[in-house]
Amino acid sequence: MSSSSSHADKIRAYHILIKHQGSRRKESWKDPQGKVIRNTTRDAAVSQLKSIRDDVVSGKAKFQDVATTLSDCSSAKRGGDLGYFGKGQMQKPFEEAAYALKVGEVSDIVETDSGAHIILRTA
């Protein structure tokens, strides 16, 4: 019996979130007052993520290492690991992007009410 049966139709993903002025909540574990986030434009968040993505895809940086230091999500403490999730648990654009990835693939920039993300599907 494989243990994956308990995760039928669920996937597992890691992500890096960069919050910005347009984010629903303008504070995070690394910016509790939201000082940086309130001064970050959407374009700045997206361009920061693009360069992070380039480093990860080229092998210059490890996704989990970057997530630990740069992600505005509390999942940063776990290297960006969101664990297993099924449909309807995440914001729609995030869910669609995550499900569209193959295991081991990193998404392009995905925007949600939370901010800008890149996603690494791991299962």
PDB file of N, CA and C in Angstrom:
ATOM      1  N   MET A   1       0.862  -1.193   0.000  1.00  0.00           N
ATOM      2  CA  MET A   1       0.000   0.000   0.000  1.00  0.00           C
ATOM      3  C   MET A   1       0.894   1.237   0.000  1.00  0.00           C
ATOM      4  N   SER A   2       0.692   2.111  -0.948  1.00  0.00           N
ATOM      5  CA  SER A   2       1.483   3.333  -0.933  1.00  0.00           C
ATOM      6  C   SER A   2       0.769   4.367  -0.072  1.00  0.00           C
ATOM      7  N   SER A   3       1.574   5.214   0.571  1.00  0.00           N
ATOM      8  CA  SER A   3       0.978   6.204   1.466  1.00  0.00           C
ATOM      9  C   SER A   3       0.313   7.334   0.689  1.00  0.00           C
ATOM     10  N   SER A   4       0.539   7.352  -0.636  1.00  0.00           N
ATOM     11  CA  SER A   4      -0.019   8.454  -1.422  1.00  0.00           C
ATOM     12  C   SER A   4      -1.537   8.353  -1.567  1.00  0.00           C
ATOM     13  N   SER A   5      -2.118   7.201  -1.227  1.00  0.00           N
ATOM     14  CA  SER A   5      -3.565   7.064  -1.375  1.00  0.00           C
ATOM     15  C   SER A   5      -4.323   8.053  -0.484  1.00  0.00           C
ATOM     16  N   SER A   6      -3.716   8.426   0.653  1.00  0.00           N
ATOM     17  CA  SER A   6      -4.388   9.388   1.525  1.00  0.00           C
ATOM     18  C   SER A   6      -4.359  10.797   0.920  1.00  0.00           C
ATOM     19  N   HIS A   7      -3.499  10.975  -0.086  1.00  0.00           N
ATOM     20  CA  HIS A   7      -3.399  12.280  -0.723  1.00  0.00           C
ATOM     21  C   HIS A   7      -4.008  12.260  -2.121  1.00  0.00           C
ATOM     22  N   ALA A   8      -4.904  11.295  -2.352  1.00  0.00           N
ATOM     23  CA  ALA A   8      -5.523  11.203  -3.672  1.00  0.00           C
ATOM     24  C   ALA A   8      -6.061  12.568  -4.076  1.00  0.00           C
ATOM     25  N   ASP A   9      -5.825  12.943  -5.288  1.00  0.00           N
ATOM     26  CA  ASP A   9      -6.231  14.213  -5.897  1.00  0.00           C
ATOM     27  C   ASP A   9      -5.768  15.479  -5.159  1.00  0.00           C
ATOM     28  N   LYS A  10      -4.831  15.318  -4.240  1.00  0.00           N
ATOM     29  CA  LYS A  10      -4.222  16.503  -3.633  1.00  0.00           C
ATOM     30  C   LYS A  10      -2.827  16.670  -4.229  1.00  0.00           C
ATOM     31  N   ILE A  11      -2.334  17.890  -4.174  1.00  0.00           N
ATOM     32  CA  ILE A  11      -0.972  18.122  -4.620  1.00  0.00           C
ATOM     33  C   ILE A  11      -0.206  18.784  -3.478  1.00  0.00           C
ATOM     34  N   ARG A  12       1.112  18.837  -3.621  1.00  0.00           N
ATOM     35  CA  ARG A  12       1.931  19.496  -2.608  1.00  0.00           C
ATOM     36  C   ARG A  12       2.764  20.549  -3.308  1.00  0.00           C
ATOM     37  N   ALA A  13       2.855  21.718  -2.683  1.00  0.00           N
ATOM     38  CA  ALA A  13       3.627  22.792  -3.295  1.00  0.00           C
ATOM     39  C   ALA A  13       4.310  23.649  -2.249  1.00  0.00           C
ATOM     40  N   TYR A  14       5.381  24.278  -2.699  1.00  0.00           N
ATOM     41  CA  TYR A  14       6.105  25.286  -1.931  1.00  0.00           C
ATOM     42  C   TYR A  14       5.871  26.596  -2.662  1.00  0.00           C
ATOM     43  N   HIS A  15       5.938  27.713  -1.949  1.00  0.00           N
ATOM     44  CA  HIS A  15       5.828  28.975  -2.671  1.00  0.00           C
ATOM     45  C   HIS A  15       6.661  30.050  -2.003  1.00  0.00           C
ATOM     46  N   ILE A  16       6.921  31.084  -2.769  1.00  0.00           N
ATOM     47  CA  ILE A  16       7.555  32.294  -2.257  1.00  0.00           C
ATOM     48  C   ILE A  16       6.562  33.411  -2.536  1.00  0.00           C
ATOM     49  N   LEU A  17       6.198  34.130  -1.486  1.00  0.00           N
ATOM     50  CA  LEU A  17       5.239  35.230  -1.589  1.00  0.00           C
ATOM     51  C   LEU A  17       5.960  36.546  -1.336  1.00  0.00           C
ATOM     52  N   ILE A  18       5.767  37.492  -2.236  1.00  0.00           N
ATOM     53  CA  ILE A  18       6.232  38.856  -1.993  1.00  0.00           C
ATOM     54  C   ILE A  18       4.986  39.735  -1.928  1.00  0.00           C
ATOM     55  N   LYS A  19       4.776  40.334  -0.770  1.00  0.00           N
ATOM     56  CA  LYS A  19       3.611  41.202  -0.600  1.00  0.00           C
ATOM     57  C   LYS A  19       3.939  42.607  -1.119  1.00  0.00           C
ATOM     58  N   HIS A  20       2.893  43.360  -1.416  1.00  0.00           N
ATOM     59  CA  HIS A  20       3.073  44.725  -1.923  1.00  0.00           C
ATOM     60  C   HIS A  20       1.883  45.589  -1.500  1.00  0.00           C
ATOM     61  N   GLN A  21       1.882  46.822  -1.954  1.00  0.00           N
ATOM     62  CA  GLN A  21       0.839  47.786  -1.572  1.00  0.00           C
ATOM     63  C   GLN A  21      -0.571  47.279  -1.818  1.00  0.00           C
ATOM     64  N   GLY A  22      -0.731  46.449  -2.840  1.00  0.00           N
ATOM     65  CA  GLY A  22      -2.062  45.956  -3.185  1.00  0.00           C
ATOM     66  C   GLY A  22      -2.467  44.703  -2.432  1.00  0.00           C
ATOM     67  N   SER A  23      -1.580  44.173  -1.593  1.00  0.00           N
ATOM     68  CA  SER A  23      -1.881  42.941  -0.861  1.00  0.00           C
ATOM     69  C   SER A  23      -2.973  43.176   0.172  1.00  0.00           C
ATOM     70  N   ARG A  24      -3.764  42.145   0.379  1.00  0.00           N
ATOM     71  CA  ARG A  24      -4.879  42.201   1.318  1.00  0.00           C
ATOM     72  C   ARG A  24      -4.387  42.523   2.737  1.00  0.00           C
ATOM     73  N   ARG A  25      -3.355  41.812   3.185  1.00  0.00           N
ATOM     74  CA  ARG A  25      -2.768  42.088   4.507  1.00  0.00           C
ATOM     75  C   ARG A  25      -1.378  42.658   4.287  1.00  0.00           C
ATOM     76  N   LYS A  26      -1.144  43.834   4.850  1.00  0.00           N
ATOM     77  CA  LYS A  26       0.113  44.516   4.559  1.00  0.00           C
ATOM     78  C   LYS A  26       1.147  44.355   5.666  1.00  0.00           C
ATOM     79  N   GLU A  27       1.185  43.171   6.263  1.00  0.00           N
ATOM     80  CA  GLU A  27       2.266  42.873   7.188  1.00  0.00           C
ATOM     81  C   GLU A  27       2.610  41.404   7.059  1.00  0.00           C
ATOM     82  N   SER A  28       3.793  41.040   7.547  1.00  0.00           N
ATOM     83  CA  SER A  28       4.216  39.638   7.473  1.00  0.00           C
ATOM     84  C   SER A  28       5.168  39.354   8.626  1.00  0.00           C
ATOM     85  N   TRP A  29       5.573  38.110   8.743  1.00  0.00           N
ATOM     86  CA  TRP A  29       6.467  37.703   9.829  1.00  0.00           C
ATOM     87  C   TRP A  29       7.759  38.509   9.796  1.00  0.00           C
ATOM     88  N   LYS A  30       8.239  38.879   8.602  1.00  0.00           N
ATOM     89  CA  LYS A  30       9.509  39.606   8.540  1.00  0.00           C
ATOM     90  C   LYS A  30       9.303  41.110   8.482  1.00  0.00           C
ATOM     91  N   ASP A  31       8.073  41.536   8.366  1.00  0.00           N
ATOM     92  CA  ASP A  31       7.754  42.965   8.299  1.00  0.00           C
ATOM     93  C   ASP A  31       6.472  43.206   9.105  1.00  0.00           C
ATOM     94  N   PRO A  32       6.542  42.995  10.448  1.00  0.00           N
ATOM     95  CA  PRO A  32       5.339  43.020  11.276  1.00  0.00           C
ATOM     96  C   PRO A  32       4.588  44.351  11.228  1.00  0.00           C
ATOM     97  N   GLN A  33       5.294  45.440  10.986  1.00  0.00           N
ATOM     98  CA  GLN A  33       4.635  46.745  10.898  1.00  0.00           C
ATOM     99  C   GLN A  33       4.172  47.059   9.476  1.00  0.00           C
ATOM    100  N   GLY A  34       4.613  46.256   8.519  1.00  0.00           N
ATOM    101  CA  GLY A  34       4.230  46.485   7.127  1.00  0.00           C
ATOM    102  C   GLY A  34       4.917  47.676   6.481  1.00  0.00           C
ATOM    103  N   LYS A  35       6.023  48.130   7.087  1.00  0.00           N
ATOM    104  CA  LYS A  35       6.717  49.311   6.547  1.00  0.00           C
ATOM    105  C   LYS A  35       7.247  49.069   5.142  1.00  0.00           C
ATOM    106  N   VAL A  36       7.890  47.925   4.945  1.00  0.00           N
ATOM    107  CA  VAL A  36       8.458  47.603   3.630  1.00  0.00           C
ATOM    108  C   VAL A  36       7.335  47.318   2.637  1.00  0.00           C
ATOM    109  N   ILE A  37       6.370  46.517   3.069  1.00  0.00           N
ATOM    110  CA  ILE A  37       5.276  46.114   2.180  1.00  0.00           C
ATOM    111  C   ILE A  37       4.504  47.327   1.659  1.00  0.00           C
ATOM    112  N   ARG A  38       4.207  48.272   2.539  1.00  0.00           N
ATOM    113  CA  ARG A  38       3.459  49.466   2.119  1.00  0.00           C
ATOM    114  C   ARG A  38       4.221  50.311   1.101  1.00  0.00           C
ATOM    115  N   ASN A  39       5.545  50.155   1.079  1.00  0.00           N
ATOM    116  CA  ASN A  39       6.366  50.924   0.128  1.00  0.00           C
ATOM    117  C   ASN A  39       6.784  50.109  -1.082  1.00  0.00           C
ATOM    118  N   THR A  40       6.293  48.872  -1.167  1.00  0.00           N
ATOM    119  CA  THR A  40       6.631  48.016  -2.299  1.00  0.00           C
ATOM    120  C   THR A  40       5.511  48.084  -3.329  1.00  0.00           C
ATOM    121  N   THR A  41       5.854  48.511  -4.532  1.00  0.00           N
ATOM    122  CA  THR A  41       4.838  48.533  -5.587  1.00  0.00           C
ATOM    123  C   THR A  41       4.644  47.121  -6.107  1.00  0.00           C
ATOM    124  N   ARG A  42       3.537  46.917  -6.770  1.00  0.00           N
ATOM    125  CA  ARG A  42       3.276  45.622  -7.384  1.00  0.00           C
ATOM    126  C   ARG A  42       4.390  45.290  -8.376  1.00  0.00           C
ATOM    127  N   ASP A  43       4.787  46.270  -9.180  1.00  0.00           N
ATOM    128  CA  ASP A  43       5.844  46.036 -10.176  1.00  0.00           C
ATOM    129  C   ASP A  43       7.161  45.641  -9.525  1.00  0.00           C
ATOM    130  N   ALA A  44       7.466  46.276  -8.402  1.00  0.00           N
ATOM    131  CA  ALA A  44       8.714  45.951  -7.696  1.00  0.00           C
ATOM    132  C   ALA A  44       8.662  44.520  -7.160  1.00  0.00           C
ATOM    133  N   ALA A  45       7.507  44.127  -6.623  1.00  0.00           N
ATOM    134  CA  ALA A  45       7.347  42.766  -6.101  1.00  0.00           C
ATOM    135  C   ALA A  45       7.521  41.752  -7.223  1.00  0.00           C
ATOM    136  N   VAL A  46       6.886  42.032  -8.366  1.00  0.00           N
ATOM    137  CA  VAL A  46       6.964  41.121  -9.507  1.00  0.00           C
ATOM    138  C   VAL A  46       8.395  41.043 -10.034  1.00  0.00           C
ATOM    139  N   SER A  47       9.090  42.182 -10.127  1.00  0.00           N
ATOM    140  CA  SER A  47      10.449  42.105 -10.675  1.00  0.00           C
ATOM    141  C   SER A  47      11.399  41.410  -9.704  1.00  0.00           C
ATOM    142  N   GLN A  48      11.175  41.589  -8.402  1.00  0.00           N
ATOM    143  CA  GLN A  48      11.995  40.853  -7.423  1.00  0.00           C
ATOM    144  C   GLN A  48      11.785  39.352  -7.582  1.00  0.00           C
ATOM    145  N   LEU A  49      10.529  38.947  -7.748  1.00  0.00           N
ATOM    146  CA  LEU A  49      10.228  37.517  -7.923  1.00  0.00           C
ATOM    147  C   LEU A  49      10.800  36.973  -9.217  1.00  0.00           C
ATOM    148  N   LYS A  50      10.780  37.786 -10.271  1.00  0.00           N
ATOM    149  CA  LYS A  50      11.340  37.316 -11.548  1.00  0.00           C
ATOM    150  C   LYS A  50      12.817  36.994 -11.389  1.00  0.00           C
ATOM    151  N   SER A  51      13.548  37.859 -10.673  1.00  0.00           N
ATOM    152  CA  SER A  51      14.966  37.573 -10.524  1.00  0.00           C
ATOM    153  C   SER A  51      15.199  36.385  -9.599  1.00  0.00           C
ATOM    154  N   ILE A  52      14.352  36.232  -8.568  1.00  0.00           N
ATOM    155  CA  ILE A  52      14.430  35.042  -7.701  1.00  0.00           C
ATOM    156  C   ILE A  52      14.185  33.789  -8.543  1.00  0.00           C
ATOM    157  N   ARG A  53      13.154  33.850  -9.387  1.00  0.00           N
ATOM    158  CA  ARG A  53      12.807  32.702 -10.221  1.00  0.00           C
ATOM    159  C   ARG A  53      13.967  32.335 -11.148  1.00  0.00           C
ATOM    160  N   ASP A  54      14.592  33.346 -11.757  1.00  0.00           N
ATOM    161  CA  ASP A  54      15.743  33.096 -12.637  1.00  0.00           C
ATOM    162  C   ASP A  54      16.848  32.369 -11.881  1.00  0.00           C
ATOM    163  N   ASP A  55      17.139  32.824 -10.653  1.00  0.00           N
ATOM    164  CA  ASP A  55      18.197  32.197  -9.848  1.00  0.00           C
ATOM    165  C   ASP A  55      17.856  30.755  -9.513  1.00  0.00           C
ATOM    166  N   VAL A  56      16.581  30.499  -9.195  1.00  0.00           N
ATOM    167  CA  VAL A  56      16.158  29.145  -8.831  1.00  0.00           C
ATOM    168  C   VAL A  56      16.209  28.221 -10.051  1.00  0.00           C
ATOM    169  N   VAL A  57      15.651  28.693 -11.162  1.00  0.00           N
ATOM    170  CA  VAL A  57      15.583  27.859 -12.365  1.00  0.00           C
ATOM    171  C   VAL A  57      16.983  27.573 -12.914  1.00  0.00           C
ATOM    172  N   SER A  58      17.877  28.547 -12.815  1.00  0.00           N
ATOM    173  CA  SER A  58      19.245  28.362 -13.331  1.00  0.00           C
ATOM    174  C   SER A  58      20.100  27.526 -12.383  1.00  0.00           C
ATOM    175  N   GLY A  59      19.579  27.283 -11.174  1.00  0.00           N
ATOM    176  CA  GLY A  59      20.326  26.480 -10.212  1.00  0.00           C
ATOM    177  C   GLY A  59      21.244  27.311  -9.323  1.00  0.00           C
ATOM    178  N   LYS A  60      21.214  28.623  -9.477  1.00  0.00           N
ATOM    179  CA  LYS A  60      22.058  29.505  -8.672  1.00  0.00           C
ATOM    180  C   LYS A  60      21.596  29.542  -7.218  1.00  0.00           C
ATOM    181  N   ALA A  61      20.293  29.349  -7.013  1.00  0.00           N
ATOM    182  CA  ALA A  61      19.735  29.379  -5.655  1.00  0.00           C
ATOM    183  C   ALA A  61      18.768  28.218  -5.481  1.00  0.00           C
ATOM    184  N   LYS A  62      18.641  27.756  -4.224  1.00  0.00           N
ATOM    185  CA  LYS A  62      17.677  26.698  -3.912  1.00  0.00           C
ATOM    186  C   LYS A  62      16.358  27.331  -3.494  1.00  0.00           C
ATOM    187  N   PHE A  63      15.260  26.843  -4.054  1.00  0.00           N
ATOM    188  CA  PHE A  63      13.937  27.399  -3.787  1.00  0.00           C
ATOM    189  C   PHE A  63      13.695  27.542  -2.281  1.00  0.00           C
ATOM    190  N   GLN A  64      13.930  26.448  -1.536  1.00  0.00           N
ATOM    191  CA  GLN A  64      13.637  26.453  -0.106  1.00  0.00           C
ATOM    192  C   GLN A  64      14.481  27.473   0.648  1.00  0.00           C
ATOM    193  N   ASP A  65      15.754  27.636   0.228  1.00  0.00           N
ATOM    194  CA  ASP A  65      16.629  28.605   0.905  1.00  0.00           C
ATOM    195  C   ASP A  65      16.117  30.025   0.703  1.00  0.00           C
ATOM    196  N   VAL A  66      15.725  30.333  -0.528  1.00  0.00           N
ATOM    197  CA  VAL A  66      15.226  31.670  -0.835  1.00  0.00           C
ATOM    198  C   VAL A  66      13.908  31.918  -0.092  1.00  0.00           C
ATOM    199  N   ALA A  67      13.045  30.912  -0.084  1.00  0.00           N
ATOM    200  CA  ALA A  67      11.754  31.045   0.604  1.00  0.00           C
ATOM    201  C   ALA A  67      11.964  31.367   2.083  1.00  0.00           C
ATOM    202  N   THR A  68      12.928  30.693   2.706  1.00  0.00           N
ATOM    203  CA  THR A  68      13.179  30.864   4.133  1.00  0.00           C
ATOM    204  C   THR A  68      13.531  32.303   4.479  1.00  0.00           C
ATOM    205  N   THR A  69      14.276  32.964   3.601  1.00  0.00           N
ATOM    206  CA  THR A  69      14.712  34.319   3.922  1.00  0.00           C
ATOM    207  C   THR A  69      13.836  35.399   3.312  1.00  0.00           C
ATOM    208  N   LEU A  70      13.219  35.145   2.151  1.00  0.00           N
ATOM    209  CA  LEU A  70      12.537  36.220   1.441  1.00  0.00           C
ATOM    210  C   LEU A  70      11.017  36.157   1.404  1.00  0.00           C
ATOM    211  N   SER A  71      10.437  34.995   1.608  1.00  0.00           N
ATOM    212  CA  SER A  71       8.984  34.892   1.470  1.00  0.00           C
ATOM    213  C   SER A  71       8.258  35.627   2.594  1.00  0.00           C
ATOM    214  N   ASP A  72       7.174  36.330   2.233  1.00  0.00           N
ATOM    215  CA  ASP A  72       6.352  37.027   3.217  1.00  0.00           C
ATOM    216  C   ASP A  72       5.300  36.106   3.840  1.00  0.00           C
ATOM    217  N   CYS A  73       5.276  34.850   3.468  1.00  0.00           N
ATOM    218  CA  CYS A  73       4.313  33.913   4.038  1.00  0.00           C
ATOM    219  C   CYS A  73       4.940  33.226   5.257  1.00  0.00           C
ATOM    220  N   SER A  74       4.114  32.905   6.246  1.00  0.00           N
ATOM    221  CA  SER A  74       4.651  32.210   7.426  1.00  0.00           C
ATOM    222  C   SER A  74       5.203  30.830   7.059  1.00  0.00           C
ATOM    223  N   SER A  75       4.840  30.301   5.874  1.00  0.00           N
ATOM    224  CA  SER A  75       5.401  29.019   5.420  1.00  0.00           C
ATOM    225  C   SER A  75       6.907  29.136   5.174  1.00  0.00           C
ATOM    226  N   ALA A  76       7.443  30.341   5.197  1.00  0.00           N
ATOM    227  CA  ALA A  76       8.890  30.543   5.023  1.00  0.00           C
ATOM    228  C   ALA A  76       9.681  29.704   6.026  1.00  0.00           C
ATOM    229  N   LYS A  77       9.131  29.566   7.234  1.00  0.00           N
ATOM    230  CA  LYS A  77       9.810  28.782   8.274  1.00  0.00           C
ATOM    231  C   LYS A  77       9.985  27.329   7.852  1.00  0.00           C
ATOM    232  N   ARG A  78       9.171  26.879   6.914  1.00  0.00           N
ATOM    233  CA  ARG A  78       9.267  25.497   6.402  1.00  0.00           C
ATOM    234  C   ARG A  78       9.835  25.488   4.978  1.00  0.00           C
ATOM    235  N   GLY A  79      10.562  26.527   4.624  1.00  0.00           N
ATOM    236  CA  GLY A  79      11.137  26.599   3.279  1.00  0.00           C
ATOM    237  C   GLY A  79      10.087  26.877   2.219  1.00  0.00           C
ATOM    238  N   GLY A  80       8.928  27.385   2.651  1.00  0.00           N
ATOM    239  CA  GLY A  80       7.858  27.688   1.699  1.00  0.00           C
ATOM    240  C   GLY A  80       6.853  26.563   1.532  1.00  0.00           C
ATOM    241  N   ASP A  81       7.020  25.488   2.306  1.00  0.00           N
ATOM    242  CA  ASP A  81       6.159  24.301   2.155  1.00  0.00           C
ATOM    243  C   ASP A  81       4.730  24.579   2.624  1.00  0.00           C
ATOM    244  N   LEU A  82       3.779  24.394   1.718  1.00  0.00           N
ATOM    245  CA  LEU A  82       2.362  24.552   2.056  1.00  0.00           C
ATOM    246  C   LEU A  82       1.716  23.214   2.380  1.00  0.00           C
ATOM    247  N   GLY A  83       2.490  22.134   2.252  1.00  0.00           N
ATOM    248  CA  GLY A  83       1.931  20.812   2.501  1.00  0.00           C
ATOM    249  C   GLY A  83       1.013  20.393   1.360  1.00  0.00           C
ATOM    250  N   TYR A  84       0.183  19.384   1.627  1.00  0.00           N
ATOM    251  CA  TYR A  84      -0.759  18.897   0.621  1.00  0.00           C
ATOM    252  C   TYR A  84      -2.039  19.714   0.674  1.00  0.00           C
ATOM    253  N   PHE A  85      -2.601  20.006  -0.474  1.00  0.00           N
ATOM    254  CA  PHE A  85      -3.888  20.692  -0.508  1.00  0.00           C
ATOM    255  C   PHE A  85      -4.678  20.230  -1.715  1.00  0.00           C
ATOM    256  N   GLY A  86      -5.989  20.354  -1.591  1.00  0.00           N
ATOM    257  CA  GLY A  86      -6.871  19.958  -2.675  1.00  0.00           C
ATOM    258  C   GLY A  86      -7.529  21.175  -3.301  1.00  0.00           C
ATOM    259  N   LYS A  87      -8.388  20.904  -4.254  1.00  0.00           N
ATOM    260  CA  LYS A  87      -9.088  22.006  -4.924  1.00  0.00           C
ATOM    261  C   LYS A  87      -9.987  22.732  -3.934  1.00  0.00           C
ATOM    262  N   GLY A  88     -10.075  24.050  -4.100  1.00  0.00           N
ATOM    263  CA  GLY A  88     -10.935  24.851  -3.251  1.00  0.00           C
ATOM    264  C   GLY A  88     -10.297  25.315  -1.956  1.00  0.00           C
ATOM    265  N   GLN A  89      -9.034  24.937  -1.714  1.00  0.00           N
ATOM    266  CA  GLN A  89      -8.377  25.337  -0.462  1.00  0.00           C
ATOM    267  C   GLN A  89      -7.537  26.603  -0.618  1.00  0.00           C
ATOM    268  N   MET A  90      -7.102  26.885  -1.823  1.00  0.00           N
ATOM    269  CA  MET A  90      -6.255  28.045  -2.083  1.00  0.00           C
ATOM    270  C   MET A  90      -7.027  29.048  -2.930  1.00  0.00           C
ATOM    271  N   GLN A  91      -6.496  30.278  -3.021  1.00  0.00           N
ATOM    272  CA  GLN A  91      -7.125  31.253  -3.907  1.00  0.00           C
ATOM    273  C   GLN A  91      -7.042  30.717  -5.332  1.00  0.00           C
ATOM    274  N   LYS A  92      -8.088  30.995  -6.107  1.00  0.00           N
ATOM    275  CA  LYS A  92      -8.244  30.392  -7.432  1.00  0.00           C
ATOM    276  C   LYS A  92      -7.011  30.525  -8.342  1.00  0.00           C
ATOM    277  N   PRO A  93      -6.439  31.728  -8.516  1.00  0.00           N
ATOM    278  CA  PRO A  93      -5.291  31.830  -9.422  1.00  0.00           C
ATOM    279  C   PRO A  93      -4.119  30.966  -8.956  1.00  0.00           C
ATOM    280  N   PHE A  94      -3.954  30.870  -7.632  1.00  0.00           N
ATOM    281  CA  PHE A  94      -2.861  30.068  -7.069  1.00  0.00           C
ATOM    282  C   PHE A  94      -3.113  28.592  -7.342  1.00  0.00           C
ATOM    283  N   GLU A  95      -4.338  28.161  -7.053  1.00  0.00           N
ATOM    284  CA  GLU A  95      -4.711  26.757  -7.264  1.00  0.00           C
ATOM    285  C   GLU A  95      -4.519  26.364  -8.724  1.00  0.00           C
ATOM    286  N   GLU A  96      -5.023  27.190  -9.640  1.00  0.00           N
ATOM    287  CA  GLU A  96      -4.926  26.854 -11.063  1.00  0.00           C
ATOM    288  C   GLU A  96      -3.476  26.738 -11.509  1.00  0.00           C
ATOM    289  N   ALA A  97      -2.646  27.666 -11.053  1.00  0.00           N
ATOM    290  CA  ALA A  97      -1.231  27.634 -11.437  1.00  0.00           C
ATOM    291  C   ALA A  97      -0.538  26.399 -10.859  1.00  0.00           C
ATOM    292  N   ALA A  98      -0.821  26.102  -9.595  1.00  0.00           N
ATOM    293  CA  ALA A  98      -0.174  24.966  -8.932  1.00  0.00           C
ATOM    294  C   ALA A  98      -0.561  23.648  -9.593  1.00  0.00           C
ATOM    295  N   TYR A  99      -1.845  23.485  -9.890  1.00  0.00           N
ATOM    296  CA  TYR A  99      -2.310  22.246 -10.522  1.00  0.00           C
ATOM    297  C   TYR A  99      -1.787  22.102 -11.951  1.00  0.00           C
ATOM    298  N   ALA A 100      -1.481  23.214 -12.594  1.00  0.00           N
ATOM    299  CA  ALA A 100      -0.999  23.159 -13.978  1.00  0.00           C
ATOM    300  C   ALA A 100       0.472  22.752 -14.064  1.00  0.00           C
ATOM    301  N   LEU A 101       1.185  22.844 -12.945  1.00  0.00           N
ATOM    302  CA  LEU A 101       2.617  22.507 -12.952  1.00  0.00           C
ATOM    303  C   LEU A 101       2.830  21.004 -12.925  1.00  0.00           C
ATOM    304  N   LYS A 102       3.946  20.582 -13.502  1.00  0.00           N
ATOM    305  CA  LYS A 102       4.395  19.203 -13.315  1.00  0.00           C
ATOM    306  C   LYS A 102       5.246  19.202 -12.046  1.00  0.00           C
ATOM    307  N   VAL A 103       5.383  18.038 -11.419  1.00  0.00           N
ATOM    308  CA  VAL A 103       6.210  17.930 -10.222  1.00  0.00           C
ATOM    309  C   VAL A 103       7.632  18.384 -10.562  1.00  0.00           C
ATOM    310  N   GLY A 104       8.176  19.262  -9.722  1.00  0.00           N
ATOM    311  CA  GLY A 104       9.534  19.770  -9.949  1.00  0.00           C
ATOM    312  C   GLY A 104       9.581  21.065 -10.744  1.00  0.00           C
ATOM    313  N   GLU A 105       8.447  21.475 -11.272  1.00  0.00           N
ATOM    314  CA  GLU A 105       8.386  22.700 -12.074  1.00  0.00           C
ATOM    315  C   GLU A 105       8.129  23.926 -11.199  1.00  0.00           C
ATOM    316  N   VAL A 106       8.676  25.057 -11.635  1.00  0.00           N
ATOM    317  CA  VAL A 106       8.448  26.335 -10.950  1.00  0.00           C
ATOM    318  C   VAL A 106       7.549  27.183 -11.839  1.00  0.00           C
ATOM    319  N   SER A 107       6.525  27.780 -11.237  1.00  0.00           N
ATOM    320  CA  SER A 107       5.568  28.575 -12.006  1.00  0.00           C
ATOM    321  C   SER A 107       6.161  29.914 -12.428  1.00  0.00           C
ATOM    322  N   ASP A 108       5.469  30.575 -13.342  1.00  0.00           N
ATOM    323  CA  ASP A 108       5.735  31.974 -13.598  1.00  0.00           C
ATOM    324  C   ASP A 108       5.124  32.747 -12.421  1.00  0.00           C
ATOM    325  N   ILE A 109       5.159  34.049 -12.487  1.00  0.00           N
ATOM    326  CA  ILE A 109       4.579  34.873 -11.426  1.00  0.00           C
ATOM    327  C   ILE A 109       3.065  34.655 -11.381  1.00  0.00           C
ATOM    328  N   VAL A 110       2.546  34.408 -10.187  1.00  0.00           N
ATOM    329  CA  VAL A 110       1.112  34.226  -9.992  1.00  0.00           C
ATOM    330  C   VAL A 110       0.655  35.316  -9.026  1.00  0.00           C
ATOM    331  N   GLU A 111      -0.392  36.027  -9.403  1.00  0.00           N
ATOM    332  CA  GLU A 111      -0.867  37.093  -8.534  1.00  0.00           C
ATOM    333  C   GLU A 111      -2.199  36.736  -7.890  1.00  0.00           C
ATOM    334  N   THR A 112      -2.277  36.963  -6.568  1.00  0.00           N
ATOM    335  CA  THR A 112      -3.508  36.742  -5.812  1.00  0.00           C
ATOM    336  C   THR A 112      -3.741  37.966  -4.919  1.00  0.00           C
ATOM    337  N   ASP A 113      -4.806  37.918  -4.134  1.00  0.00           N
ATOM    338  CA  ASP A 113      -5.074  38.995  -3.174  1.00  0.00           C
ATOM    339  C   ASP A 113      -3.968  39.107  -2.132  1.00  0.00           C
ATOM    340  N   SER A 114      -3.204  38.036  -1.948  1.00  0.00           N
ATOM    341  CA  SER A 114      -2.139  38.040  -0.955  1.00  0.00           C
ATOM    342  C   SER A 114      -0.889  38.769  -1.444  1.00  0.00           C
ATOM    343  N   GLY A 115      -0.669  38.745  -2.752  1.00  0.00           N
ATOM    344  CA  GLY A 115       0.520  39.352  -3.323  1.00  0.00           C
ATOM    345  C   GLY A 115       0.969  38.564  -4.543  1.00  0.00           C
ATOM    346  N   ALA A 116       2.279  38.611  -4.817  1.00  0.00           N
ATOM    347  CA  ALA A 116       2.833  37.911  -5.976  1.00  0.00           C
ATOM    348  C   ALA A 116       3.594  36.677  -5.488  1.00  0.00           C
ATOM    349  N   HIS A 117       3.431  35.581  -6.200  1.00  0.00           N
ATOM    350  CA  HIS A 117       4.033  34.305  -5.790  1.00  0.00           C
ATOM    351  C   HIS A 117       4.780  33.662  -6.951  1.00  0.00           C
ATOM    352  N   ILE A 118       5.737  32.793  -6.600  1.00  0.00           N
ATOM    353  CA  ILE A 118       6.160  31.735  -7.510  1.00  0.00           C
ATOM    354  C   ILE A 118       5.938  30.436  -6.742  1.00  0.00           C
ATOM    355  N   ILE A 119       5.589  29.403  -7.486  1.00  0.00           N
ATOM    356  CA  ILE A 119       5.188  28.134  -6.877  1.00  0.00           C
ATOM    357  C   ILE A 119       6.081  27.012  -7.404  1.00  0.00           C
ATOM    358  N   LEU A 120       6.502  26.139  -6.505  1.00  0.00           N
ATOM    359  CA  LEU A 120       7.240  24.937  -6.877  1.00  0.00           C
ATOM    360  C   LEU A 120       6.369  23.760  -6.486  1.00  0.00           C
ATOM    361  N   ARG A 121       5.962  22.967  -7.490  1.00  0.00           N
ATOM    362  CA  ARG A 121       5.147  21.785  -7.172  1.00  0.00           C
ATOM    363  C   ARG A 121       6.078  20.628  -6.825  1.00  0.00           C
ATOM    364  N   THR A 122       5.806  19.960  -5.703  1.00  0.00           N
ATOM    365  CA  THR A 122       6.676  18.872  -5.275  1.00  0.00           C
ATOM    366  C   THR A 122       5.997  17.514  -5.261  1.00  0.00           C
ATOM    367  N   ALA A 123       4.686  17.478  -5.372  1.00  0.00           N
ATOM    368  CA  ALA A 123       3.987  16.182  -5.422  1.00  0.00           C
ATOM    369  C   ALA A 123       2.623  16.362  -6.050  1.00  0.00           C
TER     370      ALA A 123
END
